[in-house]
C-alpha atoms as a PDB file:
ATOM      1  CA  MET A   1      85.477  97.823  25.721  1.00  0.00           C
ATOM      2  CA  LEU A   2      88.812  99.306  26.594  1.00  0.00           C
ATOM      3  CA  LYS A   3      89.204  99.610  30.300  1.00  0.00           C
ATOM      4  CA  VAL A   4      89.787 103.059  31.735  1.00  0.00           C
ATOM      5  CA  LYS A   5      92.924 101.724  33.383  1.00  0.00           C
ATOM      6  CA  ARG A   6      94.528 101.394  29.934  1.00  0.00           C
ATOM      7  CA  ILE A   7      93.740 105.044  29.307  1.00  0.00           C
ATOM      8  CA  PHE A   8      95.307 105.867  32.667  1.00  0.00           C
ATOM      9  CA  GLY A   9      98.434 104.016  31.572  1.00  0.00           C
ATOM     10  CA  LEU A  10      98.706 106.018  28.374  1.00  0.00           C
ATOM     11  CA  LEU A  11      98.164 109.285  30.201  1.00  0.00           C
ATOM     12  CA  VAL A  12     100.753 108.452  32.849  1.00  0.00           C
ATOM     13  CA  THR A  13     103.261 107.348  30.200  1.00  0.00           C
ATOM     14  CA  LEU A  14     102.827 110.603  28.281  1.00  0.00           C
ATOM     15  CA  PHE A  15     103.004 112.581  31.498  1.00  0.00           C
ATOM     16  CA  ILE A  16     106.257 110.878  32.564  1.00  0.00           C
ATOM     17  CA  LEU A  17     107.772 111.322  29.103  1.00  0.00           C
ATOM     18  CA  VAL A  18     107.093 115.050  29.160  1.00  0.00           C
ATOM     19  CA  VAL A  19     108.532 115.349  32.665  1.00  0.00           C
ATOM     20  CA  VAL A  20     111.625 113.317  31.772  1.00  0.00           C
ATOM     21  CA  MET A  21     112.176 115.368  28.625  1.00  0.00           C
ATOM     22  CA  GLY A  22     111.909 118.536  30.694  1.00  0.00           C
ATOM     23  CA  CYS A  23     114.345 117.212  33.270  1.00  0.00           C
ATOM     24  CA  THR A  24     116.793 116.110  30.555  1.00  0.00           C
ATOM     25  CA  SER A  25     116.680 119.542  28.976  1.00  0.00           C
ATOM     26  CA  GLU A  26     117.206 121.139  32.371  1.00  0.00           C
ATOM     27  CA  GLU A  27     120.169 118.897  33.197  1.00  0.00           C
ATOM     28  CA  SER A  28     121.834 119.537  29.852  1.00  0.00           C
ATOM     29  CA  SER A  29     121.885 123.258  30.574  1.00  0.00           C
ATOM     30  CA  GLU A  30     123.712 122.802  33.862  1.00  0.00           C
ATOM     31  CA  THR A  31     127.458 122.775  34.231  1.00  0.00           C
ATOM     32  CA  ALA A  32     129.085 120.016  36.242  1.00  0.00           C
ATOM     33  CA  GLY A  33     128.466 120.523  39.946  1.00  0.00           C
ATOM     34  CA  GLU A  34     126.603 123.794  39.403  1.00  0.00           C
ATOM     35  CA  THR A  35     122.939 124.717  39.016  1.00  0.00           C
ATOM     36  CA  GLU A  36     122.145 127.258  36.357  1.00  0.00           C
ATOM     37  CA  VAL A  37     120.707 130.502  37.702  1.00  0.00           C
ATOM     38  CA  PRO A  38     117.792 131.673  35.533  1.00  0.00           C
ATOM     39  CA  VAL A  39     118.454 134.733  33.390  1.00  0.00           C
ATOM     40  CA  GLN A  40     114.868 135.089  32.164  1.00  0.00           C
ATOM     41  CA  ASP A  41     111.509 134.655  33.868  1.00  0.00           C
ATOM     42  CA  PRO A  42     108.739 132.430  32.465  1.00  0.00           C
ATOM     43  CA  ILE A  43     107.289 135.229  30.316  1.00  0.00           C
ATOM     44  CA  GLY A  44     110.676 135.949  28.738  1.00  0.00           C
ATOM     45  CA  PHE A  45     111.795 139.069  30.635  1.00  0.00           C
ATOM     46  CA  ASP A  46     115.448 139.333  31.597  1.00  0.00           C
ATOM     47  CA  ILE A  47     116.019 138.977  35.337  1.00  0.00           C
ATOM     48  CA  THR A  48     118.910 139.528  37.710  1.00  0.00           C
ATOM     49  CA  VAL A  49     119.182 137.130  40.616  1.00  0.00           C
ATOM     50  CA  PRO A  50     121.213 138.409  43.598  1.00  0.00           C
ATOM     51  CA  GLU A  51     123.776 136.109  45.203  1.00  0.00           C
ATOM     52  CA  GLU A  52     121.788 136.107  48.444  1.00  0.00           C
ATOM     53  CA  ILE A  53     118.019 136.369  48.785  1.00  0.00           C
ATOM     54  CA  ASP A  54     116.937 137.139  52.329  1.00  0.00           C
ATOM     55  CA  GLY A  55     113.816 139.243  51.721  1.00  0.00           C
ATOM     56  CA  ILE A  56     111.107 138.120  49.278  1.00  0.00           C
ATOM     57  CA  ILE A  57     107.830 139.741  48.281  1.00  0.00           C
ATOM     58  CA  SER A  58     105.258 137.279  46.943  1.00  0.00           C
ATOM     59  CA  LEU A  59     102.415 138.664  44.841  1.00  0.00           C
ATOM     60  CA  ALA A  60     100.283 135.572  44.131  1.00  0.00           C
ATOM     61  CA  PRO A  61      98.868 132.833  46.395  1.00  0.00           C
ATOM     62  CA  SER A  62     100.328 130.014  44.294  1.00  0.00           C
ATOM     63  CA  ILE A  63     103.785 131.592  44.509  1.00  0.00           C
ATOM     64  CA  THR A  64     103.419 132.032  48.259  1.00  0.00           C
ATOM     65  CA  VAL A  65     102.490 128.359  48.707  1.00  0.00           C
ATOM     66  CA  ILE A  66     105.500 127.208  46.684  1.00  0.00           C
ATOM     67  CA  LEU A  67     107.895 129.486  48.582  1.00  0.00           C
ATOM     68  CA  ILE A  68     106.595 128.252  51.938  1.00  0.00           C
ATOM     69  CA  ASP A  69     106.929 124.606  50.933  1.00  0.00           C
ATOM     70  CA  LEU A  70     110.455 125.257  49.685  1.00  0.00           C
ATOM     71  CA  GLY A  71     111.231 126.217  53.288  1.00  0.00           C
ATOM     72  CA  LEU A  72     111.364 129.971  52.724  1.00  0.00           C
ATOM     73  CA  GLU A  73     108.461 131.201  54.837  1.00  0.00           C
ATOM     74  CA  ASP A  74     110.772 133.262  57.059  1.00  0.00           C
ATOM     75  CA  GLN A  75     112.230 135.033  54.011  1.00  0.00           C
ATOM     76  CA  ILE A  76     108.816 136.308  52.895  1.00  0.00           C
ATOM     77  CA  ILE A  77     108.582 139.929  54.041  1.00  0.00           C
ATOM     78  CA  ALA A  78     105.292 140.843  52.322  1.00  0.00           C
ATOM     79  CA  MET A  79     102.509 139.107  50.427  1.00  0.00           C
ATOM     80  CA  ASP A  80      99.446 139.918  48.379  1.00  0.00           C
ATOM     81  CA  THR A  81      96.077 140.284  50.076  1.00  0.00           C
ATOM     82  CA  GLN A  82      94.716 137.138  48.416  1.00  0.00           C
ATOM     83  CA  SER A  83      97.587 135.079  49.837  1.00  0.00           C
ATOM     84  CA  ALA A  84      96.797 136.475  53.262  1.00  0.00           C
ATOM     85  CA  PHE A  85      93.093 135.654  52.833  1.00  0.00           C
ATOM     86  CA  SER A  86      93.660 132.116  51.514  1.00  0.00           C
ATOM     87  CA  LEU A  87      96.648 131.087  53.603  1.00  0.00           C
ATOM     88  CA  GLY A  88      96.474 133.332  56.648  1.00  0.00           C
ATOM     89  CA  ASN A  89      98.907 135.971  57.822  1.00  0.00           C
ATOM     90  CA  GLU A  90      99.858 135.000  61.354  1.00  0.00           C
ATOM     91  CA  ARG A  91     103.136 136.913  61.136  1.00  0.00           C
ATOM     92  CA  GLY A  92     101.316 140.151  60.361  1.00  0.00           C
ATOM     93  CA  LEU A  93     103.246 140.781  57.145  1.00  0.00           C
ATOM     94  CA  PRO A  94     102.498 143.834  55.005  1.00  0.00           C
ATOM     95  CA  GLU A  95      99.789 143.042  52.447  1.00  0.00           C
ATOM     96  CA  LEU A  96      99.814 144.359  48.884  1.00  0.00           C
ATOM     97  CA  ASP A  97      97.322 144.455  46.039  1.00  0.00           C
ATOM     98  CA  MET A  98      98.304 141.597  43.723  1.00  0.00           C
ATOM     99  CA  LEU A  99      97.169 143.434  40.580  1.00  0.00           C
ATOM    100  CA  ALA A 100      98.258 146.956  41.560  1.00  0.00           C
ATOM    101  CA  PRO A 101     100.990 146.805  44.222  1.00  0.00           C
ATOM    102  CA  GLU A 102     102.159 150.131  45.629  1.00  0.00           C
ATOM    103  CA  ILE A 103     105.714 150.631  44.386  1.00  0.00           C
ATOM    104  CA  GLU A 104     106.767 152.995  47.171  1.00  0.00           C
ATOM    105  CA  SER A 105     105.666 150.522  49.844  1.00  0.00           C
ATOM    106  CA  MET A 106     107.600 147.759  48.151  1.00  0.00           C
ATOM    107  CA  ILE A 107     110.757 149.826  47.896  1.00  0.00           C
ATOM    108  CA  ALA A 108     110.483 150.755  51.579  1.00  0.00           C
ATOM    109  CA  LEU A 109     110.527 147.040  52.462  1.00  0.00           C
ATOM    110  CA  ASP A 110     113.932 146.721  50.761  1.00  0.00           C
ATOM    111  CA  PRO A 111     113.329 143.280  49.204  1.00  0.00           C
ATOM    112  CA  ASP A 112     115.993 141.252  47.443  1.00  0.00           C
ATOM    113  CA  PHE A 113     113.505 139.663  45.077  1.00  0.00           C
ATOM    114  CA  VAL A 114     109.860 140.035  44.029  1.00  0.00           C
ATOM    115  CA  PHE A 115     107.799 137.226  42.522  1.00  0.00           C
ATOM    116  CA  ALA A 116     104.710 138.674  40.830  1.00  0.00           C
ATOM    117  CA  SER A 117     101.734 137.314  38.940  1.00  0.00           C
ATOM    118  CA  ALA A 118     101.988 137.862  35.196  1.00  0.00           C
ATOM    119  CA  MET A 119      98.378 139.075  35.347  1.00  0.00           C
ATOM    120  CA  ILE A 120      99.631 142.550  36.240  1.00  0.00           C
ATOM    121  CA  MET A 121     101.449 142.821  32.911  1.00  0.00           C
ATOM    122  CA  MET A 122      99.291 144.835  30.520  1.00  0.00           C
ATOM    123  CA  GLY A 123     101.797 145.180  27.691  1.00  0.00           C
ATOM    124  CA  ASP A 124     105.386 144.551  26.670  1.00  0.00           C
ATOM    125  CA  GLU A 125     108.540 144.956  28.725  1.00  0.00           C
ATOM    126  CA  GLU A 126     108.608 148.707  28.086  1.00  0.00           C
ATOM    127  CA  SER A 127     105.401 149.050  30.130  1.00  0.00           C
ATOM    128  CA  ASP A 128     106.691 146.872  32.980  1.00  0.00           C
ATOM    129  CA  PRO A 129     104.774 148.059  36.091  1.00  0.00           C
ATOM    130  CA  LEU A 130     107.640 147.006  38.367  1.00  0.00           C
ATOM    131  CA  SER A 131     110.453 148.590  36.356  1.00  0.00           C
ATOM    132  CA  ALA A 132     111.177 151.031  39.198  1.00  0.00           C
ATOM    133  CA  LEU A 133     112.192 148.084  41.362  1.00  0.00           C
ATOM    134  CA  LYS A 134     114.504 146.744  38.683  1.00  0.00           C
ATOM    135  CA  ASP A 135     116.116 150.183  38.399  1.00  0.00           C
ATOM    136  CA  LEU A 136     117.073 149.800  42.067  1.00  0.00           C
ATOM    137  CA  ASP A 137     118.637 146.376  41.392  1.00  0.00           C
ATOM    138  CA  ILE A 138     115.764 144.544  43.051  1.00  0.00           C
ATOM    139  CA  GLY A 139     115.163 141.223  41.315  1.00  0.00           C
ATOM    140  CA  VAL A 140     111.722 140.782  39.748  1.00  0.00           C
ATOM    141  CA  ALA A 141     110.168 137.764  38.035  1.00  0.00           C
ATOM    142  CA  TYR A 142     106.687 137.358  36.578  1.00  0.00           C
ATOM    143  CA  ILE A 143     104.966 133.979  36.879  1.00  0.00           C
ATOM    144  CA  PRO A 144     101.953 133.204  34.634  1.00  0.00           C
ATOM    145  CA  SER A 145      99.076 131.142  35.993  1.00  0.00           C
ATOM    146  CA  SER A 146      99.883 127.679  34.652  1.00  0.00           C
ATOM    147  CA  ASP A 147      97.163 125.713  32.894  1.00  0.00           C
ATOM    148  CA  SER A 148      98.755 122.242  33.028  1.00  0.00           C
ATOM    149  CA  ILE A 149     100.423 119.911  35.505  1.00  0.00           C
ATOM    150  CA  VAL A 150     103.703 120.124  33.616  1.00  0.00           C
ATOM    151  CA  GLY A 151     103.427 123.926  33.657  1.00  0.00           C
ATOM    152  CA  ILE A 152     103.000 123.863  37.439  1.00  0.00           C
ATOM    153  CA  GLN A 153     106.132 121.755  37.721  1.00  0.00           C
ATOM    154  CA  GLU A 154     108.040 124.211  35.547  1.00  0.00           C
ATOM    155  CA  ASP A 155     106.958 127.047  37.856  1.00  0.00           C
ATOM    156  CA  ILE A 156     108.247 125.118  40.870  1.00  0.00           C
ATOM    157  CA  ARG A 157     111.572 124.463  39.126  1.00  0.00           C
ATOM    158  CA  PHE A 158     111.950 128.117  38.187  1.00  0.00           C
ATOM    159  CA  ILE A 159     111.143 129.501  41.635  1.00  0.00           C
ATOM    160  CA  ALA A 160     113.383 126.896  43.304  1.00  0.00           C
ATOM    161  CA  ALA A 161     116.261 127.766  40.976  1.00  0.00           C
ATOM    162  CA  VAL A 162     115.935 131.491  41.684  1.00  0.00           C
ATOM    163  CA  VAL A 163     116.017 131.018  45.460  1.00  0.00           C
ATOM    164  CA  GLY A 164     118.749 128.359  45.376  1.00  0.00           C
ATOM    165  CA  GLU A 165     116.532 125.466  46.525  1.00  0.00           C
ATOM    166  CA  THR A 166     116.638 123.179  43.494  1.00  0.00           C
ATOM    167  CA  GLU A 167     116.753 119.976  45.549  1.00  0.00           C
ATOM    168  CA  ALA A 168     113.686 121.005  47.542  1.00  0.00           C
ATOM    169  CA  GLY A 169     111.916 121.889  44.307  1.00  0.00           C
ATOM    170  CA  ASP A 170     112.760 118.529  42.771  1.00  0.00           C
ATOM    171  CA  GLU A 171     111.355 116.801  45.854  1.00  0.00           C
ATOM    172  CA  LEU A 172     108.050 118.698  45.574  1.00  0.00           C
ATOM    173  CA  ILE A 173     107.783 117.581  41.955  1.00  0.00           C
ATOM    174  CA  SER A 174     108.728 113.988  42.771  1.00  0.00           C
ATOM    175  CA  GLU A 175     106.070 113.906  45.474  1.00  0.00           C
ATOM    176  CA  MET A 176     103.505 115.134  42.934  1.00  0.00           C
ATOM    177  CA  GLU A 177     104.404 112.290  40.593  1.00  0.00           C
ATOM    178  CA  ARG A 178     104.324 109.700  43.376  1.00  0.00           C
ATOM    179  CA  THR A 179     100.891 110.840  44.519  1.00  0.00           C
ATOM    180  CA  ILE A 180      99.470 110.760  40.984  1.00  0.00           C
ATOM    181  CA  GLU A 181     100.747 107.211  40.525  1.00  0.00           C
ATOM    182  CA  GLU A 182      99.352 106.146  43.922  1.00  0.00           C
ATOM    183  CA  VAL A 183      95.901 107.574  43.169  1.00  0.00           C
ATOM    184  CA  ILE A 184      95.730 105.888  39.776  1.00  0.00           C
ATOM    185  CA  ALA A 185      96.814 102.574  41.296  1.00  0.00           C
ATOM    186  CA  LEU A 186      94.192 102.949  44.024  1.00  0.00           C
ATOM    187  CA  ILE A 187      91.412 103.405  41.475  1.00  0.00           C
ATOM    188  CA  GLY A 188      92.160 100.206  39.579  1.00  0.00           C
ATOM    189  CA  ASP A 189      89.907  99.063  36.733  1.00  0.00           C
ATOM    190  CA  VAL A 190      86.866 101.182  35.852  1.00  0.00           C
ATOM    191  CA  GLU A 191      84.502  99.997  33.130  1.00  0.00           C
ATOM    192  CA  VAL A 192      82.659 103.263  32.445  1.00  0.00           C
ATOM    193  CA  ALA A 193      84.010 106.777  33.014  1.00  0.00           C
ATOM    194  CA  PRO A 194      81.705 108.819  35.299  1.00  0.00           C
ATOM    195  CA  THR A 195      80.689 112.181  33.858  1.00  0.00           C
ATOM    196  CA  VAL A 196      81.518 115.220  35.985  1.00  0.00           C
ATOM    197  CA  TYR A 197      80.508 118.853  36.231  1.00  0.00           C
ATOM    198  CA  PHE A 198      82.980 120.910  38.285  1.00  0.00           C
ATOM    199  CA  GLU A 199      81.604 124.244  39.498  1.00  0.00           C
ATOM    200  CA  ILE A 200      83.977 127.032  40.482  1.00  0.00           C
ATOM    201  CA  SER A 201      81.371 129.782  40.781  1.00  0.00           C
ATOM    202  CA  PRO A 202      77.746 129.229  41.859  1.00  0.00           C
ATOM    203  CA  ALA A 203      74.399 130.324  40.426  1.00  0.00           C
ATOM    204  CA  PRO A 204      73.432 132.697  39.047  1.00  0.00           C
ATOM    205  CA  ASP A 205      76.930 133.366  37.632  1.00  0.00           C
ATOM    206  CA  MET A 206      78.144 129.810  37.183  1.00  0.00           C
ATOM    207  CA  PHE A 207      81.670 129.105  35.943  1.00  0.00           C
ATOM    208  CA  SER A 208      83.445 125.903  35.050  1.00  0.00           C
ATOM    209  CA  PHE A 209      86.101 124.846  32.534  1.00  0.00           C
ATOM    210  CA  GLY A 210      86.757 122.884  29.374  1.00  0.00           C
ATOM    211  CA  ASN A 211      90.027 121.419  28.178  1.00  0.00           C
ATOM    212  CA  GLY A 212      93.293 123.318  28.458  1.00  0.00           C
ATOM    213  CA  VAL A 213      92.926 123.710  32.235  1.00  0.00           C
ATOM    214  CA  PHE A 214      94.833 121.678  34.825  1.00  0.00           C
ATOM    215  CA  LEU A 215      91.552 120.702  36.497  1.00  0.00           C
ATOM    216  CA  HIS A 216      90.383 119.093  33.246  1.00  0.00           C
ATOM    217  CA  GLU A 217      93.679 117.219  33.099  1.00  0.00           C
ATOM    218  CA  MET A 218      93.136 116.034  36.674  1.00  0.00           C
ATOM    219  CA  LEU A 219      89.691 114.659  35.798  1.00  0.00           C
ATOM    220  CA  GLU A 220      91.196 112.762  32.868  1.00  0.00           C
ATOM    221  CA  LEU A 221      93.909 111.277  35.078  1.00  0.00           C
ATOM    222  CA  ILE A 222      91.318 109.735  37.388  1.00  0.00           C
ATOM    223  CA  GLY A 223      89.216 108.375  34.547  1.00  0.00           C
ATOM    224  CA  ALA A 224      86.393 110.902  34.703  1.00  0.00           C
ATOM    225  CA  GLU A 225      84.775 112.681  31.775  1.00  0.00           C
ATOM    226  CA  ASN A 226      84.375 116.449  31.983  1.00  0.00           C
ATOM    227  CA  ILE A 227      80.919 117.249  30.593  1.00  0.00           C
ATOM    228  CA  PHE A 228      82.445 120.344  28.957  1.00  0.00           C
ATOM    229  CA  ALA A 229      85.445 118.525  27.468  1.00  0.00           C
ATOM    230  CA  ASP A 230      84.619 119.879  24.005  1.00  0.00           C
ATOM    231  CA  MET A 231      84.944 123.461  25.252  1.00  0.00           C
ATOM    232  CA  GLU A 232      88.157 125.321  26.044  1.00  0.00           C
ATOM    233  CA  SER A 233      89.573 127.062  29.091  1.00  0.00           C
ATOM    234  CA  TRP A 234      87.568 128.761  31.864  1.00  0.00           C
ATOM    235  CA  MET A 235      83.991 129.447  30.867  1.00  0.00           C
ATOM    236  CA  ALA A 236      80.629 130.826  31.940  1.00  0.00           C
ATOM    237  CA  VAL A 237      77.997 128.097  32.215  1.00  0.00           C
ATOM    238  CA  GLU A 238      74.279 128.055  31.479  1.00  0.00           C
ATOM    239  CA  ALA A 239      72.195 126.034  33.932  1.00  0.00           C
ATOM    240  CA  GLU A 240      70.277 124.457  31.062  1.00  0.00           C
ATOM    241  CA  SER A 241      73.530 123.094  29.592  1.00  0.00           C
ATOM    242  CA  VAL A 242      74.388 121.270  32.806  1.00  0.00           C
ATOM    243  CA  VAL A 243      70.856 119.842  33.055  1.00  0.00           C
ATOM    244  CA  THR A 244      70.997 118.629  29.446  1.00  0.00           C
ATOM    245  CA  LEU A 245      74.411 116.987  29.887  1.00  0.00           C
ATOM    246  CA  ASN A 246      73.157 115.346  33.107  1.00  0.00           C
ATOM    247  CA  PRO A 247      76.422 114.618  34.985  1.00  0.00           C
ATOM    248  CA  ASP A 248      76.821 111.589  37.224  1.00  0.00           C
ATOM    249  CA  VAL A 249      78.814 113.610  39.758  1.00  0.00           C
ATOM    250  CA  ILE A 250      79.113 117.310  40.618  1.00  0.00           C
ATOM    251  CA  PHE A 251      82.177 118.770  42.306  1.00  0.00           C
ATOM    252  CA  THR A 252      82.283 122.295  43.714  1.00  0.00           C
ATOM    253  CA  ASN A 253      85.156 124.218  45.260  1.00  0.00           C
ATOM    254  CA  VAL A 254      82.986 127.248  46.049  1.00  0.00           C
ATOM    255  CA  ASP A 255      83.813 128.252  49.626  1.00  0.00           C
ATOM    256  CA  PHE A 256      82.354 131.749  49.851  1.00  0.00           C
ATOM    257  CA  ILE A 257      78.762 130.686  50.512  1.00  0.00           C
ATOM    258  CA  ASP A 258      77.507 128.831  53.576  1.00  0.00           C
ATOM    259  CA  ASP A 259      76.970 125.384  52.032  1.00  0.00           C
ATOM    260  CA  SER A 260      77.724 125.063  48.323  1.00  0.00           C
ATOM    261  CA  VAL A 261      76.722 121.382  48.229  1.00  0.00           C
ATOM    262  CA  ALA A 262      73.307 122.045  49.782  1.00  0.00           C
ATOM    263  CA  GLU A 263      72.777 124.983  47.427  1.00  0.00           C
ATOM    264  CA  ILE A 264      73.358 122.776  44.377  1.00  0.00           C
ATOM    265  CA  LEU A 265      71.138 119.974  45.708  1.00  0.00           C
ATOM    266  CA  ALA A 266      68.308 122.491  46.202  1.00  0.00           C
ATOM    267  CA  ARG A 267      68.892 124.439  42.979  1.00  0.00           C
ATOM    268  CA  PRO A 268      65.585 124.873  41.081  1.00  0.00           C
ATOM    269  CA  GLY A 269      65.409 122.847  37.882  1.00  0.00           C
ATOM    270  CA  TRP A 270      68.286 120.550  38.808  1.00  0.00           C
ATOM    271  CA  GLU A 271      66.296 118.017  40.805  1.00  0.00           C
ATOM    272  CA  GLY A 272      66.097 115.579  37.867  1.00  0.00           C
ATOM    273  CA  MET A 273      69.847 115.285  37.256  1.00  0.00           C
ATOM    274  CA  ASN A 274      71.596 112.031  38.124  1.00  0.00           C
ATOM    275  CA  ALA A 275      74.100 113.723  40.433  1.00  0.00           C
ATOM    276  CA  VAL A 276      71.314 115.393  42.408  1.00  0.00           C
ATOM    277  CA  ILE A 277      68.975 112.398  42.480  1.00  0.00           C
ATOM    278  CA  ASN A 278      71.796 110.199  43.801  1.00  0.00           C
ATOM    279  CA  GLU A 279      73.164 112.988  46.027  1.00  0.00           C
ATOM    280  CA  ARG A 280      76.566 112.738  44.393  1.00  0.00           C
ATOM    281  CA  VAL A 281      77.540 116.359  44.915  1.00  0.00           C
ATOM    282  CA  TYR A 282      80.805 116.940  46.751  1.00  0.00           C
ATOM    283  CA  PHE A 283      82.866 119.846  48.007  1.00  0.00           C
ATOM    284  CA  ILE A 284      86.589 119.793  47.129  1.00  0.00           C
ATOM    285  CA  ASP A 285      88.981 122.117  48.947  1.00  0.00           C
ATOM    286  CA  ASN A 286      89.366 125.388  47.059  1.00  0.00           C
ATOM    287  CA  ASN A 287      93.093 125.877  47.606  1.00  0.00           C
ATOM    288  CA  ASP A 288      93.765 122.308  46.440  1.00  0.00           C
ATOM    289  CA  THR A 289      91.921 122.863  43.166  1.00  0.00           C
ATOM    290  CA  SER A 290      92.145 126.563  42.343  1.00  0.00           C
ATOM    291  CA  LEU A 291      95.832 127.327  42.989  1.00  0.00           C
ATOM    292  CA  PRO A 292      98.306 125.984  40.395  1.00  0.00           C
ATOM    293  CA  THR A 293     100.687 124.356  42.879  1.00  0.00           C
ATOM    294  CA  HIS A 294     101.860 120.873  43.841  1.00  0.00           C
ATOM    295  CA  HIS A 295      98.910 120.685  46.259  1.00  0.00           C
ATOM    296  CA  ILE A 296      96.558 119.906  43.360  1.00  0.00           C
ATOM    297  CA  THR A 297      97.427 116.260  44.052  1.00  0.00           C
ATOM    298  CA  ARG A 298      95.423 116.549  47.274  1.00  0.00           C
ATOM    299  CA  GLY A 299      92.457 117.663  45.197  1.00  0.00           C
ATOM    300  CA  LEU A 300      93.114 114.802  42.783  1.00  0.00           C
ATOM    301  CA  ARG A 301      93.041 112.270  45.621  1.00  0.00           C
ATOM    302  CA  ALA A 302      89.862 113.755  47.116  1.00  0.00           C
ATOM    303  CA  MET A 303      88.047 113.636  43.780  1.00  0.00           C
ATOM    304  CA  ALA A 304      89.075 110.017  43.220  1.00  0.00           C
ATOM    305  CA  MET A 305      87.864 109.050  46.705  1.00  0.00           C
ATOM    306  CA  TYR A 306      84.431 110.537  46.050  1.00  0.00           C
ATOM    307  CA  LEU A 307      84.118 109.291  42.476  1.00  0.00           C
ATOM    308  CA  TYR A 308      84.804 105.663  43.302  1.00  0.00           C
ATOM    309  CA  ASP A 309      83.745 105.567  46.962  1.00  0.00           C
ATOM    310  CA  LEU A 310      87.237 104.527  48.020  1.00  0.00           C
ATOM    311  CA  ASN A 311      88.831 104.173  51.415  1.00  0.00           C
ATOM    312  CA  GLU A 312      92.629 104.252  51.672  1.00  0.00           C
END
């Protein structure tokens, strides 16, 4: 039987190749001694980046996290309400609706640049909901919610390039890669991949994911088998399906009920599953597994620790 560690090696090799290819492409587009300033955002809209960016509005929690870790917390002059809920708002910054931000309030804040979630785009560039800001020479970029580790890294590179912090962005990415390698090395040889159900919304409206989601990729990296690997993207889940597939381990990042682990362990009809019988149900921090940022490596490490009962 092939050892899971060999699979890890293949995954890491492919991962590094993709990253290196991305870096090579990035470097080839830079002039000597200069870093290229993006002229388009990740969804293909033209953008104008001012020479100095002192005031930033962030309209997605993942963007806010990246900006803070690039050292730009003091430049953030407003954030979306979800960022404030997830990350806190100790500075008392103005809070905006991520999906329907009030244009007049944004203009009054006089930002230099606005990073927005691509989820607010409902059509082509002609229906751009933030066009009024662009008309006032305020920079705007839309960031889609990335579904892969490489996509997350590309988001970090883009945001870092816009704000002139490419070295800090490269360090965040390098730290991601180092952590992934450390976790895989810590796991070592595994004969049989444990099967996993990862719940992101509890009963009665259960949600999980198939392939094509960064969380699925994370499970693969640590040698686990997603019980819904043959499905795609985010998905509603039937309780009977989970019972039939009988996972060895259940992860949950549900943090809006009192005790999501206890709820699963006591869920009617689930008492015969391996994960419940063996009490292998674990809570994983929501921010570390729901936001597409470099912090997913913390979720990766936590999952590996629980899966293989490891101590660092």
